[in-house]
Amino acid sequence: MPHQKIPEYLQDKIFEIRYNADNSISKTVSYFPFSESEKQEIISLLIDSRFNGFHSIFTDSVTDEEWLKTKDQIKKKFRDELFDIDKI
């Protein structure tokens, strides 16, 4: 499934999508765990009820309101720290 078919508000929460050789999604890595309803929405878009490739960087759950308030800071800090790893 092409990345652009995932709704913008879910794309925003995804750090990385990994694909199989056939271009099907094998794994999604979100910043924070998806809610059950978000997982179900992604599964329905994939048309694969067996998909279970949900992973997250952080284990804390955050509300949509908390995410909207802090997402830019979180993304920037995470990117900056990843780039700093290369300098070590």
N, C-alpha and C. Protein backbone atom coordinates (compact mmCIF):
# COMPACT_ATOMS: atom_id res chain seq x y z
N MET A 1 0.84 -1.19 0.00
CA MET A 1 0.00 0.00 0.00
C MET A 1 0.88 1.24 0.00
N PRO A 2 0.71 2.14 -0.91
CA PRO A 2 1.51 3.36 -0.95
C PRO A 2 1.33 4.18 0.32
N HIS A 3 2.40 4.78 0.76
CA HIS A 3 2.40 5.57 1.99
C HIS A 3 1.34 6.67 1.99
N GLN A 4 1.11 7.29 0.84
CA GLN A 4 0.18 8.41 0.80
C GLN A 4 -1.27 8.02 1.07
N LYS A 5 -1.61 6.75 1.04
CA LYS A 5 -2.98 6.33 1.32
C LYS A 5 -3.29 6.34 2.81
N ILE A 6 -2.28 6.39 3.63
CA ILE A 6 -2.49 6.48 5.08
C ILE A 6 -2.88 7.92 5.38
N PRO A 7 -3.96 8.12 6.14
CA PRO A 7 -4.40 9.48 6.44
C PRO A 7 -3.28 10.32 7.07
N GLU A 8 -3.29 11.59 6.74
CA GLU A 8 -2.25 12.52 7.20
C GLU A 8 -2.03 12.47 8.72
N TYR A 9 -3.12 12.43 9.48
CA TYR A 9 -2.96 12.45 10.94
C TYR A 9 -2.26 11.18 11.45
N LEU A 10 -2.36 10.07 10.72
CA LEU A 10 -1.63 8.87 11.10
C LEU A 10 -0.19 8.90 10.57
N GLN A 11 -0.01 9.40 9.36
CA GLN A 11 1.34 9.56 8.81
C GLN A 11 2.20 10.39 9.75
N ASP A 12 1.61 11.41 10.33
CA ASP A 12 2.30 12.31 11.22
C ASP A 12 2.87 11.58 12.45
N LYS A 13 2.22 10.51 12.84
CA LYS A 13 2.63 9.76 14.03
C LYS A 13 3.64 8.66 13.71
N ILE A 14 3.90 8.45 12.43
CA ILE A 14 4.77 7.35 12.02
C ILE A 14 6.19 7.85 11.77
N PHE A 15 7.14 7.18 12.39
CA PHE A 15 8.55 7.48 12.17
C PHE A 15 9.07 6.78 10.93
N GLU A 16 8.66 5.50 10.76
CA GLU A 16 9.18 4.72 9.64
C GLU A 16 8.18 3.64 9.24
N ILE A 17 8.15 3.35 7.95
CA ILE A 17 7.37 2.23 7.43
C ILE A 17 8.35 1.34 6.69
N ARG A 18 8.32 0.05 6.99
CA ARG A 18 9.18 -0.91 6.29
C ARG A 18 8.31 -1.77 5.40
N TYR A 19 8.87 -2.11 4.24
CA TYR A 19 8.11 -2.84 3.23
C TYR A 19 8.71 -4.21 2.95
N ASN A 20 7.86 -5.13 2.56
CA ASN A 20 8.30 -6.44 2.07
C ASN A 20 8.72 -6.30 0.61
N ALA A 21 9.26 -7.37 0.05
CA ALA A 21 9.69 -7.37 -1.35
C ALA A 21 8.53 -7.07 -2.30
N ASP A 22 7.32 -7.45 -1.92
CA ASP A 22 6.16 -7.21 -2.78
C ASP A 22 5.51 -5.84 -2.55
N ASN A 23 6.21 -4.97 -1.83
CA ASN A 23 5.75 -3.62 -1.50
C ASN A 23 4.61 -3.57 -0.49
N SER A 24 4.29 -4.68 0.13
CA SER A 24 3.32 -4.64 1.22
C SER A 24 4.05 -4.18 2.48
N ILE A 25 3.33 -3.58 3.38
CA ILE A 25 3.94 -3.07 4.60
C ILE A 25 4.23 -4.22 5.56
N SER A 26 5.47 -4.28 6.02
CA SER A 26 5.86 -5.33 6.96
C SER A 26 5.89 -4.81 8.40
N LYS A 27 6.13 -3.50 8.55
CA LYS A 27 6.31 -2.96 9.89
C LYS A 27 6.07 -1.46 9.87
N THR A 28 5.38 -0.97 10.90
CA THR A 28 5.26 0.47 11.10
C THR A 28 5.92 0.79 12.44
N VAL A 29 6.68 1.86 12.45
CA VAL A 29 7.31 2.31 13.69
C VAL A 29 6.78 3.71 13.95
N SER A 30 5.97 3.83 14.99
CA SER A 30 5.41 5.12 15.36
C SER A 30 6.22 5.69 16.52
N TYR A 31 6.04 6.98 16.76
CA TYR A 31 6.73 7.59 17.90
C TYR A 31 6.18 7.04 19.20
N PHE A 32 4.86 7.00 19.31
CA PHE A 32 4.18 6.46 20.48
C PHE A 32 3.22 5.36 20.00
N PRO A 33 2.86 4.45 20.88
CA PRO A 33 1.95 3.37 20.45
C PRO A 33 0.64 3.91 19.88
N PHE A 34 0.18 3.28 18.81
CA PHE A 34 -1.12 3.62 18.26
C PHE A 34 -2.21 3.13 19.19
N SER A 35 -3.32 3.84 19.19
CA SER A 35 -4.50 3.37 19.92
C SER A 35 -5.07 2.19 19.15
N GLU A 36 -5.94 1.44 19.77
CA GLU A 36 -6.56 0.30 19.10
C GLU A 36 -7.36 0.75 17.87
N SER A 37 -8.04 1.88 17.98
CA SER A 37 -8.82 2.35 16.83
C SER A 37 -7.90 2.76 15.67
N GLU A 38 -6.75 3.35 15.98
CA GLU A 38 -5.80 3.70 14.93
C GLU A 38 -5.23 2.45 14.27
N LYS A 39 -4.93 1.44 15.07
CA LYS A 39 -4.44 0.17 14.52
C LYS A 39 -5.49 -0.44 13.59
N GLN A 40 -6.73 -0.44 14.03
CA GLN A 40 -7.81 -1.01 13.22
C GLN A 40 -7.99 -0.24 11.91
N GLU A 41 -7.81 1.08 11.96
CA GLU A 41 -7.93 1.87 10.74
C GLU A 41 -6.82 1.51 9.76
N ILE A 42 -5.60 1.35 10.25
CA ILE A 42 -4.48 0.98 9.38
C ILE A 42 -4.69 -0.42 8.82
N ILE A 43 -5.12 -1.34 9.67
CA ILE A 43 -5.38 -2.72 9.21
C ILE A 43 -6.44 -2.72 8.12
N SER A 44 -7.48 -1.93 8.29
CA SER A 44 -8.53 -1.90 7.27
C SER A 44 -8.02 -1.31 5.96
N LEU A 45 -7.10 -0.35 6.03
CA LEU A 45 -6.52 0.22 4.82
C LEU A 45 -5.60 -0.78 4.11
N LEU A 46 -4.93 -1.60 4.91
CA LEU A 46 -4.03 -2.60 4.34
C LEU A 46 -4.78 -3.79 3.75
N ILE A 47 -6.00 -3.93 4.15
CA ILE A 47 -6.82 -5.07 3.74
C ILE A 47 -6.11 -6.37 4.11
N ASP A 48 -5.55 -6.39 5.29
CA ASP A 48 -4.84 -7.57 5.80
C ASP A 48 -5.14 -7.68 7.29
N SER A 49 -6.14 -8.44 7.63
CA SER A 49 -6.56 -8.55 9.02
C SER A 49 -5.51 -9.23 9.90
N ARG A 50 -4.50 -9.85 9.27
CA ARG A 50 -3.45 -10.52 10.04
C ARG A 50 -2.27 -9.60 10.35
N PHE A 51 -2.24 -8.39 9.80
CA PHE A 51 -1.11 -7.49 10.01
C PHE A 51 -0.93 -7.21 11.49
N ASN A 52 0.29 -7.39 11.97
CA ASN A 52 0.60 -7.17 13.38
C ASN A 52 1.96 -6.50 13.53
N GLY A 53 2.36 -5.71 12.55
CA GLY A 53 3.68 -5.11 12.55
C GLY A 53 3.74 -3.73 13.17
N PHE A 54 3.05 -3.55 14.28
CA PHE A 54 3.04 -2.25 14.95
C PHE A 54 4.14 -2.20 16.00
N HIS A 55 5.00 -1.20 15.90
CA HIS A 55 6.06 -0.99 16.87
C HIS A 55 6.12 0.51 17.16
N SER A 56 6.68 0.86 18.31
CA SER A 56 6.81 2.28 18.63
C SER A 56 8.17 2.53 19.28
N ILE A 57 8.64 3.73 19.15
CA ILE A 57 9.92 4.12 19.73
C ILE A 57 9.76 4.28 21.23
N PHE A 58 8.73 4.99 21.64
CA PHE A 58 8.47 5.23 23.06
C PHE A 58 7.31 4.34 23.51
N THR A 59 7.30 3.98 24.78
CA THR A 59 6.25 3.11 25.29
C THR A 59 5.10 3.87 25.95
N ASP A 60 5.31 5.13 26.27
CA ASP A 60 4.26 5.93 26.90
C ASP A 60 3.11 6.12 25.92
N SER A 61 1.92 6.17 26.45
CA SER A 61 0.76 6.52 25.63
C SER A 61 0.50 8.00 25.80
N VAL A 62 0.18 8.67 24.70
CA VAL A 62 -0.14 10.10 24.77
C VAL A 62 -1.48 10.32 24.08
N THR A 63 -2.18 11.32 24.55
CA THR A 63 -3.45 11.68 23.93
C THR A 63 -3.16 12.44 22.64
N ASP A 64 -4.14 12.55 21.79
CA ASP A 64 -3.98 13.32 20.56
C ASP A 64 -3.65 14.78 20.89
N GLU A 65 -4.26 15.29 21.94
CA GLU A 65 -3.99 16.67 22.35
C GLU A 65 -2.53 16.84 22.77
N GLU A 66 -2.01 15.90 23.58
CA GLU A 66 -0.60 15.96 23.98
C GLU A 66 0.32 15.84 22.77
N TRP A 67 -0.04 14.94 21.85
CA TRP A 67 0.77 14.76 20.65
C TRP A 67 0.84 16.06 19.84
N LEU A 68 -0.31 16.68 19.64
CA LEU A 68 -0.35 17.92 18.85
C LEU A 68 0.48 19.03 19.50
N LYS A 69 0.49 19.08 20.82
CA LYS A 69 1.24 20.12 21.52
C LYS A 69 2.75 19.89 21.44
N THR A 70 3.17 18.65 21.41
CA THR A 70 4.61 18.36 21.56
C THR A 70 5.26 17.70 20.36
N LYS A 71 4.51 17.38 19.32
CA LYS A 71 5.06 16.59 18.23
C LYS A 71 6.27 17.23 17.55
N ASP A 72 6.23 18.54 17.34
CA ASP A 72 7.35 19.19 16.67
C ASP A 72 8.62 19.10 17.51
N GLN A 73 8.48 19.31 18.80
CA GLN A 73 9.64 19.19 19.71
C GLN A 73 10.17 17.77 19.74
N ILE A 74 9.27 16.81 19.82
CA ILE A 74 9.67 15.41 19.89
C ILE A 74 10.39 15.00 18.62
N LYS A 75 9.83 15.34 17.49
CA LYS A 75 10.44 14.98 16.21
C LYS A 75 11.81 15.64 16.04
N LYS A 76 11.91 16.92 16.38
CA LYS A 76 13.18 17.63 16.26
C LYS A 76 14.22 17.03 17.19
N LYS A 77 13.86 16.82 18.43
CA LYS A 77 14.80 16.25 19.40
C LYS A 77 15.26 14.87 18.95
N PHE A 78 14.35 14.07 18.49
CA PHE A 78 14.69 12.73 18.05
C PHE A 78 15.62 12.77 16.85
N ARG A 79 15.31 13.59 15.85
CA ARG A 79 16.17 13.72 14.66
C ARG A 79 17.55 14.23 15.06
N ASP A 80 17.59 15.26 15.91
CA ASP A 80 18.87 15.84 16.34
C ASP A 80 19.72 14.80 17.05
N GLU A 81 19.09 14.02 17.93
CA GLU A 81 19.85 13.01 18.67
C GLU A 81 20.33 11.90 17.75
N LEU A 82 19.54 11.52 16.76
CA LEU A 82 19.97 10.51 15.80
C LEU A 82 21.19 11.00 15.01
N PHE A 83 21.14 12.24 14.58
CA PHE A 83 22.27 12.78 13.82
C PHE A 83 23.51 12.90 14.69
N ASP A 84 23.34 13.21 15.95
CA ASP A 84 24.49 13.31 16.87
C ASP A 84 25.14 11.95 17.09
N ILE A 85 24.40 10.88 16.97
CA ILE A 85 24.97 9.53 17.13
C ILE A 85 26.04 9.30 16.07
N ASP A 86 25.84 9.81 14.86
CA ASP A 86 26.81 9.65 13.79
C ASP A 86 28.13 10.33 14.09
N LYS A 87 28.12 11.34 14.94
CA LYS A 87 29.33 12.09 15.25
C LYS A 87 30.20 11.41 16.31
N ILE A 88 29.64 10.41 16.99
CA ILE A 88 30.38 9.74 18.07
C ILE A 88 31.36 8.74 17.49
